[in-house]
PDB file of N, CA and C in Angstrom:
ATOM      1  N   UNK A   1      12.998 255.290 215.747  1.00  0.00           N
ATOM      2  CA  UNK A   1      11.689 254.732 215.486  1.00  0.00           C
ATOM      3  C   UNK A   1      11.087 254.315 216.816  1.00  0.00           C
ATOM      4  N   UNK A   2       9.822 254.507 216.952  1.00  0.00           N
ATOM      5  CA  UNK A   2       9.158 254.076 218.167  1.00  0.00           C
ATOM      6  C   UNK A   2       7.671 253.927 217.943  1.00  0.00           C
ATOM      7  N   UNK A   3       7.074 253.095 218.768  1.00  0.00           N
ATOM      8  CA  UNK A   3       5.632 252.857 218.719  1.00  0.00           C
ATOM      9  C   UNK A   3       5.088 253.083 220.123  1.00  0.00           C
ATOM     10  N   UNK A   4       4.017 253.847 220.218  1.00  0.00           N
ATOM     11  CA  UNK A   4       3.415 254.125 221.510  1.00  0.00           C
ATOM     12  C   UNK A   4       3.066 252.797 222.211  1.00  0.00           C
ATOM     13  N   UNK A   5       3.250 252.750 223.516  1.00  0.00           N
ATOM     14  CA  UNK A   5       3.086 251.500 224.269  1.00  0.00           C
ATOM     15  C   UNK A   5       1.743 250.824 224.042  1.00  0.00           C
ATOM     16  N   UNK A   6       0.698 251.603 223.898  1.00  0.00           N
ATOM     17  CA  UNK A   6      -0.631 251.005 223.724  1.00  0.00           C
ATOM     18  C   UNK A   6      -0.805 250.338 222.355  1.00  0.00           C
ATOM     19  N   UNK A   7       0.112 250.596 221.429  1.00  0.00           N
ATOM     20  CA  UNK A   7       0.010 249.992 220.099  1.00  0.00           C
ATOM     21  C   UNK A   7       1.087 248.948 219.821  1.00  0.00           C
ATOM     22  N   UNK A   8       1.879 248.623 220.818  1.00  0.00           N
ATOM     23  CA  UNK A   8       2.920 247.620 220.627  1.00  0.00           C
ATOM     24  C   UNK A   8       2.298 246.241 220.509  1.00  0.00           C
ATOM     25  N   UNK A   9       3.070 245.318 220.032  1.00  0.00           N
ATOM     26  CA  UNK A   9       2.707 243.924 219.737  1.00  0.00           C
ATOM     27  C   UNK A   9       1.557 243.807 218.733  1.00  0.00           C
ATOM     28  N   UNK A  10       1.408 244.817 217.893  1.00  0.00           N
ATOM     29  CA  UNK A  10       0.407 244.774 216.828  1.00  0.00           C
ATOM     30  C   UNK A  10       1.076 244.703 215.452  1.00  0.00           C
ATOM     31  N   UNK A  11       2.403 244.642 215.438  1.00  0.00           N
ATOM     32  CA  UNK A  11       3.127 244.543 214.182  1.00  0.00           C
ATOM     33  C   UNK A  11       3.462 245.881 213.540  1.00  0.00           C
ATOM     34  N   UNK A  12       3.157 246.976 214.227  1.00  0.00           N
ATOM     35  CA  UNK A  12       3.391 248.298 213.655  1.00  0.00           C
ATOM     36  C   UNK A  12       4.887 248.580 213.528  1.00  0.00           C
ATOM     37  N   UNK A  13       5.649 248.316 214.568  1.00  0.00           N
ATOM     38  CA  UNK A  13       7.092 248.539 214.527  1.00  0.00           C
ATOM     39  C   UNK A  13       7.756 247.678 213.472  1.00  0.00           C
ATOM     40  N   UNK A  14       7.340 246.438 213.373  1.00  0.00           N
ATOM     41  CA  UNK A  14       7.862 245.509 212.369  1.00  0.00           C
ATOM     42  C   UNK A  14       7.597 246.066 210.969  1.00  0.00           C
ATOM     43  N   UNK A  15       6.371 246.514 210.735  1.00  0.00           N
ATOM     44  CA  UNK A  15       6.008 247.068 209.424  1.00  0.00           C
ATOM     45  C   UNK A  15       6.817 248.330 209.117  1.00  0.00           C
ATOM     46  N   UNK A  16       6.949 249.231 210.081  1.00  0.00           N
ATOM     47  CA  UNK A  16       7.731 250.457 209.880  1.00  0.00           C
ATOM     48  C   UNK A  16       9.179 250.129 209.524  1.00  0.00           C
ATOM     49  N   UNK A  17       9.768 249.219 210.278  1.00  0.00           N
ATOM     50  CA  UNK A  17      11.154 248.821 210.052  1.00  0.00           C
ATOM     51  C   UNK A  17      11.331 248.245 208.655  1.00  0.00           C
ATOM     52  N   UNK A  18      10.458 247.324 208.262  1.00  0.00           N
ATOM     53  CA  UNK A  18      10.606 246.666 206.969  1.00  0.00           C
ATOM     54  C   UNK A  18      10.298 247.592 205.795  1.00  0.00           C
ATOM     55  N   UNK A  19       9.389 248.531 205.972  1.00  0.00           N
ATOM     56  CA  UNK A  19       9.153 249.532 204.925  1.00  0.00           C
ATOM     57  C   UNK A  19      10.402 250.394 204.742  1.00  0.00           C
ATOM     58  N   UNK A  20      11.002 250.792 205.858  1.00  0.00           N
ATOM     59  CA  UNK A  20      12.216 251.603 205.806  1.00  0.00           C
ATOM     60  C   UNK A  20      13.356 250.838 205.135  1.00  0.00           C
ATOM     61  N   UNK A  21      13.560 249.587 205.534  1.00  0.00           N
ATOM     62  CA  UNK A  21      14.634 248.778 204.948  1.00  0.00           C
ATOM     63  C   UNK A  21      14.404 248.532 203.462  1.00  0.00           C
ATOM     64  N   UNK A  22      13.150 248.302 203.071  1.00  0.00           N
ATOM     65  CA  UNK A  22      12.830 248.096 201.656  1.00  0.00           C
ATOM     66  C   UNK A  22      13.124 249.364 200.849  1.00  0.00           C
ATOM     67  N   UNK A  23      12.708 250.512 201.388  1.00  0.00           N
ATOM     68  CA  UNK A  23      12.976 251.776 200.704  1.00  0.00           C
ATOM     69  C   UNK A  23      14.475 252.019 200.563  1.00  0.00           C
ATOM     70  N   UNK A  24      15.228 251.707 201.607  1.00  0.00           N
ATOM     71  CA  UNK A  24      16.679 251.874 201.544  1.00  0.00           C
ATOM     72  C   UNK A  24      17.278 250.968 200.469  1.00  0.00           C
ATOM     73  N   UNK A  25      16.805 249.739 200.399  1.00  0.00           N
ATOM     74  CA  UNK A  25      17.302 248.806 199.392  1.00  0.00           C
ATOM     75  C   UNK A  25      16.993 249.311 197.981  1.00  0.00           C
ATOM     76  N   UNK A  26      15.797 249.844 197.787  1.00  0.00           N
ATOM     77  CA  UNK A  26      15.385 250.341 196.475  1.00  0.00           C
ATOM     78  C   UNK A  26      16.239 251.514 195.989  1.00  0.00           C
ATOM     79  N   UNK A  27      16.772 252.296 196.918  1.00  0.00           N
ATOM     80  CA  UNK A  27      17.613 253.418 196.490  1.00  0.00           C
ATOM     81  C   UNK A  27      19.103 253.078 196.506  1.00  0.00           C
ATOM     82  N   UNK A  28      19.430 251.820 196.784  1.00  0.00           N
ATOM     83  CA  UNK A  28      20.796 251.367 196.608  1.00  0.00           C
ATOM     84  C   UNK A  28      21.595 250.987 197.840  1.00  0.00           C
ATOM     85  N   UNK A  29      21.027 251.113 199.017  1.00  0.00           N
ATOM     86  CA  UNK A  29      21.771 250.726 200.213  1.00  0.00           C
ATOM     87  C   UNK A  29      21.896 249.205 200.286  1.00  0.00           C
ATOM     88  N   UNK A  30      23.059 248.743 200.735  1.00  0.00           N
ATOM     89  CA  UNK A  30      23.309 247.308 200.904  1.00  0.00           C
ATOM     90  C   UNK A  30      23.081 246.849 202.347  1.00  0.00           C
ATOM     91  N   UNK A  31      23.186 247.784 203.284  1.00  0.00           N
ATOM     92  CA  UNK A  31      22.997 247.454 204.696  1.00  0.00           C
ATOM     93  C   UNK A  31      22.612 248.719 205.442  1.00  0.00           C
ATOM     94  N   UNK A  32      22.168 248.533 206.677  1.00  0.00           N
ATOM     95  CA  UNK A  32      21.790 249.674 207.520  1.00  0.00           C
ATOM     96  C   UNK A  32      22.466 249.531 208.870  1.00  0.00           C
ATOM     97  N   UNK A  33      22.855 250.660 209.434  1.00  0.00           N
ATOM     98  CA  UNK A  33      23.397 250.690 210.792  1.00  0.00           C
ATOM     99  C   UNK A  33      22.445 251.536 211.623  1.00  0.00           C
ATOM    100  N   UNK A  34      21.973 250.972 212.711  1.00  0.00           N
ATOM    101  CA  UNK A  34      21.033 251.672 213.585  1.00  0.00           C
ATOM    102  C   UNK A  34      21.777 252.019 214.865  1.00  0.00           C
ATOM    103  N   UNK A  35      22.146 253.266 215.011  1.00  0.00           N
ATOM    104  CA  UNK A  35      22.874 253.701 216.196  1.00  0.00           C
ATOM    105  C   UNK A  35      21.958 253.850 217.395  1.00  0.00           C
ATOM    106  N   UNK A  36      22.405 253.386 218.533  1.00  0.00           N
ATOM    107  CA  UNK A  36      21.627 253.514 219.763  1.00  0.00           C
ATOM    108  C   UNK A  36      20.316 252.761 219.731  1.00  0.00           C
ATOM    109  N   UNK A  37      20.287 251.643 219.021  1.00  0.00           N
ATOM    110  CA  UNK A  37      19.051 250.868 218.879  1.00  0.00           C
ATOM    111  C   UNK A  37      18.621 250.242 220.192  1.00  0.00           C
ATOM    112  N   UNK A  38      17.352 250.167 220.359  1.00  0.00           N
ATOM    113  CA  UNK A  38      16.814 249.481 221.516  1.00  0.00           C
ATOM    114  C   UNK A  38      15.319 249.344 221.376  1.00  0.00           C
ATOM    115  N   UNK A  39      14.715 248.307 221.802  1.00  0.00           N
ATOM    116  CA  UNK A  39      15.390 247.126 222.367  1.00  0.00           C
ATOM    117  C   UNK A  39      16.064 246.292 221.269  1.00  0.00           C
ATOM    118  N   UNK A  40      17.284 245.906 221.527  1.00  0.00           N
ATOM    119  CA  UNK A  40      18.085 245.159 220.560  1.00  0.00           C
ATOM    120  C   UNK A  40      17.386 243.871 220.133  1.00  0.00           C
ATOM    121  N   UNK A  41      16.718 243.219 221.055  1.00  0.00           N
ATOM    122  CA  UNK A  41      16.058 241.949 220.746  1.00  0.00           C
ATOM    123  C   UNK A  41      15.018 242.097 219.643  1.00  0.00           C
ATOM    124  N   UNK A  42      14.346 243.240 219.602  1.00  0.00           N
ATOM    125  CA  UNK A  42      13.360 243.489 218.542  1.00  0.00           C
ATOM    126  C   UNK A  42      14.029 243.437 217.180  1.00  0.00           C
ATOM    127  N   UNK A  43      15.147 244.132 217.022  1.00  0.00           N
ATOM    128  CA  UNK A  43      15.844 244.185 215.742  1.00  0.00           C
ATOM    129  C   UNK A  43      16.455 242.830 215.385  1.00  0.00           C
ATOM    130  N   UNK A  44      16.972 242.119 216.379  1.00  0.00           N
ATOM    131  CA  UNK A  44      17.518 240.781 216.124  1.00  0.00           C
ATOM    132  C   UNK A  44      16.429 239.862 215.578  1.00  0.00           C
ATOM    133  N   UNK A  45      15.270 239.908 216.162  1.00  0.00           N
ATOM    134  CA  UNK A  45      14.163 239.040 215.747  1.00  0.00           C
ATOM    135  C   UNK A  45      13.516 239.520 214.446  1.00  0.00           C
ATOM    136  N   UNK A  46      13.318 240.834 214.319  1.00  0.00           N
ATOM    137  CA  UNK A  46      12.577 241.374 213.176  1.00  0.00           C
ATOM    138  C   UNK A  46      13.347 241.303 211.859  1.00  0.00           C
ATOM    139  N   UNK A  47      14.686 241.448 211.921  1.00  0.00           N
ATOM    140  CA  UNK A  47      15.439 241.484 210.662  1.00  0.00           C
ATOM    141  C   UNK A  47      16.828 240.852 210.770  1.00  0.00           C
ATOM    142  N   UNK A  48      16.986 239.983 211.725  1.00  0.00           N
ATOM    143  CA  UNK A  48      18.254 239.277 211.931  1.00  0.00           C
ATOM    144  C   UNK A  48      19.428 240.242 212.103  1.00  0.00           C
ATOM    145  N   UNK A  49      19.179 241.360 212.764  1.00  0.00           N
ATOM    146  CA  UNK A  49      20.225 242.351 213.021  1.00  0.00           C
ATOM    147  C   UNK A  49      21.279 241.759 213.954  1.00  0.00           C
ATOM    148  N   UNK A  50      22.481 242.253 213.822  1.00  0.00           N
ATOM    149  CA  UNK A  50      23.587 241.813 214.676  1.00  0.00           C
ATOM    150  C   UNK A  50      24.212 243.035 215.331  1.00  0.00           C
ATOM    151  N   UNK A  51      24.594 242.889 216.572  1.00  0.00           N
ATOM    152  CA  UNK A  51      25.262 243.966 217.301  1.00  0.00           C
ATOM    153  C   UNK A  51      26.718 244.033 216.849  1.00  0.00           C
ATOM    154  N   UNK A  52      27.157 245.247 216.513  1.00  0.00           N
ATOM    155  CA  UNK A  52      28.562 245.469 216.173  1.00  0.00           C
ATOM    156  C   UNK A  52      29.223 246.020 217.436  1.00  0.00           C
ATOM    157  N   UNK A  53      30.143 245.246 218.015  1.00  0.00           N
ATOM    158  CA  UNK A  53      30.763 245.676 219.270  1.00  0.00           C
ATOM    159  C   UNK A  53      31.540 246.984 219.109  1.00  0.00           C
ATOM    160  N   UNK A  54      31.558 247.779 220.157  1.00  0.00           N
ATOM    161  CA  UNK A  54      32.349 249.001 220.176  1.00  0.00           C
ATOM    162  C   UNK A  54      33.827 248.652 220.280  1.00  0.00           C
ATOM    163  N   UNK A  55      34.643 249.526 219.752  1.00  0.00           N
ATOM    164  CA  UNK A  55      36.095 249.289 219.831  1.00  0.00           C
ATOM    165  C   UNK A  55      36.609 249.846 221.131  1.00  0.00           C
TER     166      UNK A  55
END
């Protein structure tokens, strides 16, 4: 997922993320794993995401 730089801080990424998570919940998912996520701080703030350390 990404938002063009000129449209950031307008809530577009937040809305995209939450629409996706809501749709996943509606079809039965209990959680989501986002591989290679970045910036991590966005996900931590937007949906209380937690980093799962590598083994």
